[in-house]
Each structure stands twice: as structure tokens, then as C-alpha cells.
Amino acid sequence: MVPVEVVGVRTHLADDEIVVLLLDPDAALIVPILIGPAEATAIASAQAGIVPPRPMTHDLLRDALVAAGAPVGHVEITHLDEGVFHAALVLTTGRRVDARASDAIAVALRFECPVLCSAEVVALAGVEVRPAANEEDLAEFREFLDQVSAEDFETGHEPGPGSGERNG
């Protein structure tokens, strides 16, 4: 199991699908999990720190587990079976409770406990994160911007000094 960060909930407008994104920072992979709108709301509201006036289902489960003396210590995304992510709530008592991945994530956020994901799941479902530009790349780009002018982009004009190799 590897620790993952809950990046957040995103909607893919073209497909009208909602996903929760889990980041494995060490492997630089994002695991997208398709979820329903109710679970998306539960996850997003917990991340935003919104406390409803009356407990919603995930809040009720948290309160019941705390009252029973068995809070959640961490959650695990255990495996992927035919496109379905399976998870478990791991209670501080050591007992495990089977759960849907989206519900497990919503509960983990309410307990502020770690979310772990099977390395196999990360390898199978993970999408590579494009690295952000490093400082050296940014400095080189800033230097280019300092030396380039609009005339450098006109057809047949030679690029200005230090502006790199470009064809006009």
C-alpha cells in the first residue's frame, strides 16, 4: 500500500462524468476514480471544511464509529475488478469494513486519516502527471521573452540575438 493524496473532485464536461483524483506523489501518477454526484458532493464538502447543519450519511457514519469507540485509522483502496475500485475502512480496532472507494474516501476526509492505495491499483489505473516546469526552464523562457519582439515572428525576418533558433 502506498499513501495517496486526495487531489479533489473534477467533472469531465464532455462525458458528464465525475471523478475523484488520487495522487501518488512518489510515482507521479494520478488515479482517477469514477464516482456519483452524491459522493462527489460528500468528498468536496469535506475538503472544503463545510459542516452541514444536520449530519449527512458520511458524517453519521463517522459519529457512530466514534461513539462505538472504533474510529477509522485509515482507508485502503485495495483492488480494481472489472473497472470497479474496491476499498476498506480500517478501524483503529484492527477490524476491516468493506466499502466503495468513493465512500471510503469521503469517510477518510471526515476522520482526517490517511488514504492508502494498492501499488498494483496505482500501476494499473494511474495516469502520469506532467511535471511542472522547473526553475531553470522558467529562467530560460523569461530570457527568451526579454529578447524577443513581434518582428521576430514576421515571415522572412531573422530572429533577434539570443532568441534561439527559429524559422521565420
C-alpha atoms as a PDB file:
ATOM      1  CA  MET A   1       0.000   0.000   0.000  1.00  0.00           C
ATOM      2  CA  VAL A   2       1.194   3.491  -0.850  1.00  0.00           C
ATOM      3  CA  PRO A   3      -0.086   6.753   0.638  1.00  0.00           C
ATOM      4  CA  VAL A   4      -2.050   8.907  -1.791  1.00  0.00           C
ATOM      5  CA  GLU A   5      -3.363  12.440  -1.603  1.00  0.00           C
ATOM      6  CA  VAL A   6      -6.972  13.236  -2.400  1.00  0.00           C
ATOM      7  CA  VAL A   7      -6.489  15.954  -5.009  1.00  0.00           C
ATOM      8  CA  GLY A   8     -10.183  16.638  -5.376  1.00  0.00           C
ATOM      9  CA  VAL A   9     -13.267  16.084  -7.446  1.00  0.00           C
ATOM     10  CA  ARG A  10     -13.405  17.029 -11.114  1.00  0.00           C
ATOM     11  CA  THR A  11     -16.149  16.924 -13.728  1.00  0.00           C
ATOM     12  CA  HIS A  12     -15.390  15.956 -17.303  1.00  0.00           C
ATOM     13  CA  LEU A  13     -17.932  18.125 -19.108  1.00  0.00           C
ATOM     14  CA  ALA A  14     -17.812  16.314 -22.457  1.00  0.00           C
ATOM     15  CA  ASP A  15     -18.771  12.985 -20.880  1.00  0.00           C
ATOM     16  CA  ASP A  16     -20.682  14.431 -17.905  1.00  0.00           C
ATOM     17  CA  GLU A  17     -18.635  12.140 -15.647  1.00  0.00           C
ATOM     18  CA  ILE A  18     -17.342  12.942 -12.182  1.00  0.00           C
ATOM     19  CA  VAL A  19     -14.034  11.615 -10.868  1.00  0.00           C
ATOM     20  CA  VAL A  20     -12.124  11.855  -7.629  1.00  0.00           C
ATOM     21  CA  LEU A  21      -8.386  12.141  -8.220  1.00  0.00           C
ATOM     22  CA  LEU A  22      -5.823  10.408  -6.016  1.00  0.00           C
ATOM     23  CA  LEU A  23      -2.170  11.390  -6.358  1.00  0.00           C
ATOM     24  CA  ASP A  24       0.741   9.066  -5.687  1.00  0.00           C
ATOM     25  CA  PRO A  25       3.427  11.756  -5.399  1.00  0.00           C
ATOM     26  CA  ASP A  26       6.336   9.289  -5.369  1.00  0.00           C
ATOM     27  CA  ALA A  27       5.297   7.656  -8.643  1.00  0.00           C
ATOM     28  CA  ALA A  28       3.940  10.939 -10.108  1.00  0.00           C
ATOM     29  CA  LEU A  29       0.703   9.148 -11.013  1.00  0.00           C
ATOM     30  CA  ILE A  30      -2.917  10.253 -10.648  1.00  0.00           C
ATOM     31  CA  VAL A  31      -5.561   7.582 -10.114  1.00  0.00           C
ATOM     32  CA  PRO A  32      -8.959   8.784 -11.391  1.00  0.00           C
ATOM     33  CA  ILE A  33     -11.975   7.031  -9.866  1.00  0.00           C
ATOM     34  CA  LEU A  34     -15.391   7.499 -11.431  1.00  0.00           C
ATOM     35  CA  ILE A  35     -17.928   8.466  -8.747  1.00  0.00           C
ATOM     36  CA  GLY A  36     -21.536   9.564  -8.438  1.00  0.00           C
ATOM     37  CA  PRO A  37     -22.754  13.101  -7.750  1.00  0.00           C
ATOM     38  CA  ALA A  38     -23.724  12.380  -4.119  1.00  0.00           C
ATOM     39  CA  GLU A  39     -20.263  11.001  -3.335  1.00  0.00           C
ATOM     40  CA  ALA A  40     -18.655  13.911  -5.193  1.00  0.00           C
ATOM     41  CA  THR A  41     -20.579  16.347  -3.019  1.00  0.00           C
ATOM     42  CA  ALA A  42     -19.607  14.440   0.141  1.00  0.00           C
ATOM     43  CA  ILE A  43     -15.911  14.491  -0.812  1.00  0.00           C
ATOM     44  CA  ALA A  44     -15.849  18.118  -1.981  1.00  0.00           C
ATOM     45  CA  SER A  45     -17.726  19.410   1.070  1.00  0.00           C
ATOM     46  CA  ALA A  46     -15.354  17.577   3.433  1.00  0.00           C
ATOM     47  CA  GLN A  47     -12.340  19.014   1.610  1.00  0.00           C
ATOM     48  CA  ALA A  48     -13.836  22.486   1.837  1.00  0.00           C
ATOM     49  CA  GLY A  49     -14.492  22.049   5.567  1.00  0.00           C
ATOM     50  CA  ILE A  50     -18.238  22.509   5.165  1.00  0.00           C
ATOM     51  CA  VAL A  51     -20.170  21.245   8.180  1.00  0.00           C
ATOM     52  CA  PRO A  52     -23.841  20.631   7.404  1.00  0.00           C
ATOM     53  CA  PRO A  53     -26.448  21.721   9.961  1.00  0.00           C
ATOM     54  CA  ARG A  54     -27.538  18.077  10.293  1.00  0.00           C
ATOM     55  CA  PRO A  55     -25.234  15.105   9.704  1.00  0.00           C
ATOM     56  CA  MET A  56     -25.167  13.663   6.204  1.00  0.00           C
ATOM     57  CA  THR A  57     -24.599   9.904   5.745  1.00  0.00           C
ATOM     58  CA  HIS A  58     -20.788  10.007   5.922  1.00  0.00           C
ATOM     59  CA  ASP A  59     -20.918  12.341   8.925  1.00  0.00           C
ATOM     60  CA  LEU A  60     -23.398   9.993  10.612  1.00  0.00           C
ATOM     61  CA  LEU A  61     -21.099   7.023   9.993  1.00  0.00           C
ATOM     62  CA  ARG A  62     -18.164   8.949  11.487  1.00  0.00           C
ATOM     63  CA  ASP A  63     -20.194   9.913  14.535  1.00  0.00           C
ATOM     64  CA  ALA A  64     -21.472   6.332  15.012  1.00  0.00           C
ATOM     65  CA  LEU A  65     -17.978   4.827  14.754  1.00  0.00           C
ATOM     66  CA  VAL A  66     -16.573   7.363  17.217  1.00  0.00           C
ATOM     67  CA  ALA A  67     -19.474   6.694  19.638  1.00  0.00           C
ATOM     68  CA  ALA A  68     -18.820   2.946  19.343  1.00  0.00           C
ATOM     69  CA  GLY A  69     -15.145   3.501  20.169  1.00  0.00           C
ATOM     70  CA  ALA A  70     -13.954   2.282  16.778  1.00  0.00           C
ATOM     71  CA  PRO A  71     -12.858   5.264  14.685  1.00  0.00           C
ATOM     72  CA  VAL A  72     -11.292   4.814  11.263  1.00  0.00           C
ATOM     73  CA  GLY A  73      -7.486   4.714  11.385  1.00  0.00           C
ATOM     74  CA  HIS A  74      -7.011   4.714   7.617  1.00  0.00           C
ATOM     75  CA  VAL A  75      -8.699   3.600   4.433  1.00  0.00           C
ATOM     76  CA  GLU A  76      -7.313   1.379   1.709  1.00  0.00           C
ATOM     77  CA  ILE A  77      -8.147   1.231  -1.974  1.00  0.00           C
ATOM     78  CA  THR A  78      -7.493  -2.497  -2.197  1.00  0.00           C
ATOM     79  CA  HIS A  79      -8.072  -3.642  -5.751  1.00  0.00           C
ATOM     80  CA  LEU A  80      -9.619  -2.982  -9.128  1.00  0.00           C
ATOM     81  CA  ASP A  81     -12.008  -5.588 -10.503  1.00  0.00           C
ATOM     82  CA  GLU A  82     -13.557  -5.096 -13.951  1.00  0.00           C
ATOM     83  CA  GLY A  83     -13.317  -1.314 -13.650  1.00  0.00           C
ATOM     84  CA  VAL A  84     -14.696  -1.208 -10.092  1.00  0.00           C
ATOM     85  CA  PHE A  85     -12.466   0.098  -7.307  1.00  0.00           C
ATOM     86  CA  HIS A  86     -12.811  -1.785  -4.008  1.00  0.00           C
ATOM     87  CA  ALA A  87     -11.856  -0.327  -0.647  1.00  0.00           C
ATOM     88  CA  ALA A  88     -11.872  -0.962   3.072  1.00  0.00           C
ATOM     89  CA  LEU A  89     -12.228   1.168   6.160  1.00  0.00           C
ATOM     90  CA  VAL A  90      -9.573   0.019   8.600  1.00  0.00           C
ATOM     91  CA  LEU A  91     -10.742   0.759  12.116  1.00  0.00           C
ATOM     92  CA  THR A  92      -8.381   1.521  14.972  1.00  0.00           C
ATOM     93  CA  THR A  93      -9.535  -1.780  16.494  1.00  0.00           C
ATOM     94  CA  GLY A  94      -7.950  -3.569  13.520  1.00  0.00           C
ATOM     95  CA  ARG A  95     -11.288  -4.600  12.041  1.00  0.00           C
ATOM     96  CA  ARG A  96     -11.886  -4.009   8.353  1.00  0.00           C
ATOM     97  CA  VAL A  97     -15.135  -2.868   6.757  1.00  0.00           C
ATOM     98  CA  ASP A  98     -15.708  -3.370   3.022  1.00  0.00           C
ATOM     99  CA  ALA A  99     -16.590  -0.117   1.240  1.00  0.00           C
ATOM    100  CA  ARG A 100     -16.917   1.539  -2.111  1.00  0.00           C
ATOM    101  CA  ALA A 101     -13.818   3.611  -2.862  1.00  0.00           C
ATOM    102  CA  SER A 102     -15.792   6.856  -3.033  1.00  0.00           C
ATOM    103  CA  ASP A 103     -17.429   6.249   0.350  1.00  0.00           C
ATOM    104  CA  ALA A 104     -14.109   5.241   1.908  1.00  0.00           C
ATOM    105  CA  ILE A 105     -12.504   8.476   0.666  1.00  0.00           C
ATOM    106  CA  ALA A 106     -15.421  10.585   1.970  1.00  0.00           C
ATOM    107  CA  VAL A 107     -15.105   8.913   5.380  1.00  0.00           C
ATOM    108  CA  ALA A 108     -11.308   9.276   5.442  1.00  0.00           C
ATOM    109  CA  LEU A 109     -11.626  13.010   4.869  1.00  0.00           C
ATOM    110  CA  ARG A 110     -14.015  13.269   7.807  1.00  0.00           C
ATOM    111  CA  PHE A 111     -11.611  11.377  10.058  1.00  0.00           C
ATOM    112  CA  GLU A 112      -8.625  13.252   8.583  1.00  0.00           C
ATOM    113  CA  CYS A 113      -6.907   9.886   8.261  1.00  0.00           C
ATOM    114  CA  PRO A 114      -4.586   8.516   5.566  1.00  0.00           C
ATOM    115  CA  VAL A 115      -5.797   7.089   2.292  1.00  0.00           C
ATOM    116  CA  LEU A 116      -3.641   4.214   1.075  1.00  0.00           C
ATOM    117  CA  CYS A 117      -3.830   2.626  -2.340  1.00  0.00           C
ATOM    118  CA  SER A 118      -2.583  -0.728  -3.532  1.00  0.00           C
ATOM    119  CA  ALA A 119       0.594  -0.272  -5.586  1.00  0.00           C
ATOM    120  CA  GLU A 120      -0.961  -2.605  -8.152  1.00  0.00           C
ATOM    121  CA  VAL A 121      -4.014  -0.333  -8.466  1.00  0.00           C
ATOM    122  CA  VAL A 122      -1.778   2.711  -8.900  1.00  0.00           C
ATOM    123  CA  ALA A 123       0.202   0.884 -11.594  1.00  0.00           C
ATOM    124  CA  LEU A 124      -2.937  -0.292 -13.418  1.00  0.00           C
ATOM    125  CA  ALA A 125      -5.095   2.818 -13.204  1.00  0.00           C
ATOM    126  CA  GLY A 126      -2.550   5.587 -12.683  1.00  0.00           C
ATOM    127  CA  VAL A 127      -2.088   8.317 -15.258  1.00  0.00           C
ATOM    128  CA  GLU A 128       1.261  10.079 -15.474  1.00  0.00           C
ATOM    129  CA  VAL A 129       1.346  13.583 -14.054  1.00  0.00           C
ATOM    130  CA  ARG A 130       3.012  16.078 -16.337  1.00  0.00           C
ATOM    131  CA  PRO A 131       5.766  17.739 -14.356  1.00  0.00           C
ATOM    132  CA  ALA A 132       5.644  21.483 -13.964  1.00  0.00           C
ATOM    133  CA  ALA A 133       8.461  23.491 -15.446  1.00  0.00           C
ATOM    134  CA  ASN A 134      11.470  23.710 -13.187  1.00  0.00           C
ATOM    135  CA  GLU A 135      13.193  26.986 -12.288  1.00  0.00           C
ATOM    136  CA  GLU A 136      15.877  26.535 -14.956  1.00  0.00           C
ATOM    137  CA  ASP A 137      13.228  26.135 -17.674  1.00  0.00           C
ATOM    138  CA  LEU A 138      11.369  29.195 -16.405  1.00  0.00           C
ATOM    139  CA  ALA A 139      14.551  31.292 -16.334  1.00  0.00           C
ATOM    140  CA  GLU A 140      15.363  30.283 -19.914  1.00  0.00           C
ATOM    141  CA  PHE A 141      11.835  31.162 -21.037  1.00  0.00           C
ATOM    142  CA  ARG A 142      11.978  34.555 -19.259  1.00  0.00           C
ATOM    143  CA  GLU A 143      15.285  35.294 -21.016  1.00  0.00           C
ATOM    144  CA  PHE A 144      13.681  34.421 -24.346  1.00  0.00           C
ATOM    145  CA  LEU A 145      10.729  36.752 -23.603  1.00  0.00           C
ATOM    146  CA  ASP A 146      13.103  39.584 -22.670  1.00  0.00           C
ATOM    147  CA  GLN A 147      14.844  39.363 -26.051  1.00  0.00           C
ATOM    148  CA  VAL A 148      12.034  38.544 -28.458  1.00  0.00           C
ATOM    149  CA  SER A 149       9.926  41.119 -30.298  1.00  0.00           C
ATOM    150  CA  ALA A 150       6.858  40.936 -32.509  1.00  0.00           C
ATOM    151  CA  GLU A 151       9.029  41.489 -35.600  1.00  0.00           C
ATOM    152  CA  ASP A 152      10.804  38.174 -34.893  1.00  0.00           C
ATOM    153  CA  PHE A 153       7.627  36.376 -35.906  1.00  0.00           C
ATOM    154  CA  GLU A 154       7.214  38.072 -39.283  1.00  0.00           C
ATOM    155  CA  THR A 155       7.861  35.847 -42.310  1.00  0.00           C
ATOM    156  CA  GLY A 156      11.393  36.128 -43.639  1.00  0.00           C
ATOM    157  CA  HIS A 157      12.786  38.067 -40.666  1.00  0.00           C
ATOM    158  CA  GLU A 158      15.830  36.729 -38.865  1.00  0.00           C
ATOM    159  CA  PRO A 159      15.370  36.101 -35.151  1.00  0.00           C
ATOM    160  CA  GLY A 160      16.846  38.602 -32.734  1.00  0.00           C
ATOM    161  CA  PRO A 161      20.097  37.861 -30.860  1.00  0.00           C
ATOM    162  CA  GLY A 162      19.829  35.199 -28.170  1.00  0.00           C
ATOM    163  CA  SER A 163      16.251  34.364 -29.072  1.00  0.00           C
ATOM    164  CA  GLY A 164      17.037  30.779 -30.012  1.00  0.00           C
ATOM    165  CA  GLU A 165      16.809  29.040 -33.330  1.00  0.00           C
ATOM    166  CA  ARG A 166      13.520  29.695 -35.075  1.00  0.00           C
ATOM    167  CA  ASN A 167      12.405  29.748 -38.653  1.00  0.00           C
ATOM    168  CA  GLY A 168      10.519  32.862 -39.585  1.00  0.00           C
END
